[in-house]
Amino acid sequence: MLVGVEVGGLVGSTDGGESWRKYNAVPDDVHHVFASTPERWIVSCGTGGPDRRGGVFETRDRGDTWIERDVGPYEYVRETCCQHGQLYAAGSRTGPLWDPPDAALFVEQDGELNRVGYPGNPESYIISWATSGQAIFAGTNDGSILRDHGDEWEHLGTVPVSLNAQRAWGVRSMTVIEP
């Protein structure tokens, strides 16, 4: 079991919660924890911890060693997604309150995170993900719903999000319901 604490770091338990191990290589402002395989864990962090460090952190050996994935200055990361082993990460240069954000999207190609464009970039910040079959979807702070088509992103529509919510939250969670 892995637990991210905002602000408190990443802890894990192998005995059902009787004891906990803190993973100090990960910053304290943990936003999202994702295990794409039993060995590969990906942690998204903001910059609200005491060290003001955020970004994407990954282990491929159940937490024994960690690497910081390169997202440049876009190290305020809310959530990542992995589809068929390929990592998707979006970050902002700053945490909320945005007016507007300065955001970027990174997609893993040949083991590296490469910056890619998407509708609304850089003022529309991807903060949530959903998958369905081969498809990957993203939700943004301003209510945009996007879909990845491999070589480009499509804007599917916009859900109502108040101006106040756009400055910090937006589409915080989403899922795709199969017909």
Foldseek 3Di string as FASTA:
>chain_A
DWDADAQAAIWDDPPVPPDIDGQVVAHRGWQDWDDPDQQKIKTFGAQPGPVRFTAIKIGRGNRPDIDGADPDLQGGWRDWDAAPNKIKTKGFNHAFQPPFTQMWIWIDDPNHTDTDDAPPPPRWTFREWEDDVRKIWTATLQFWIWIDPPRYIDTPDGDDDDPRSSRHHGCNYDYDDDD
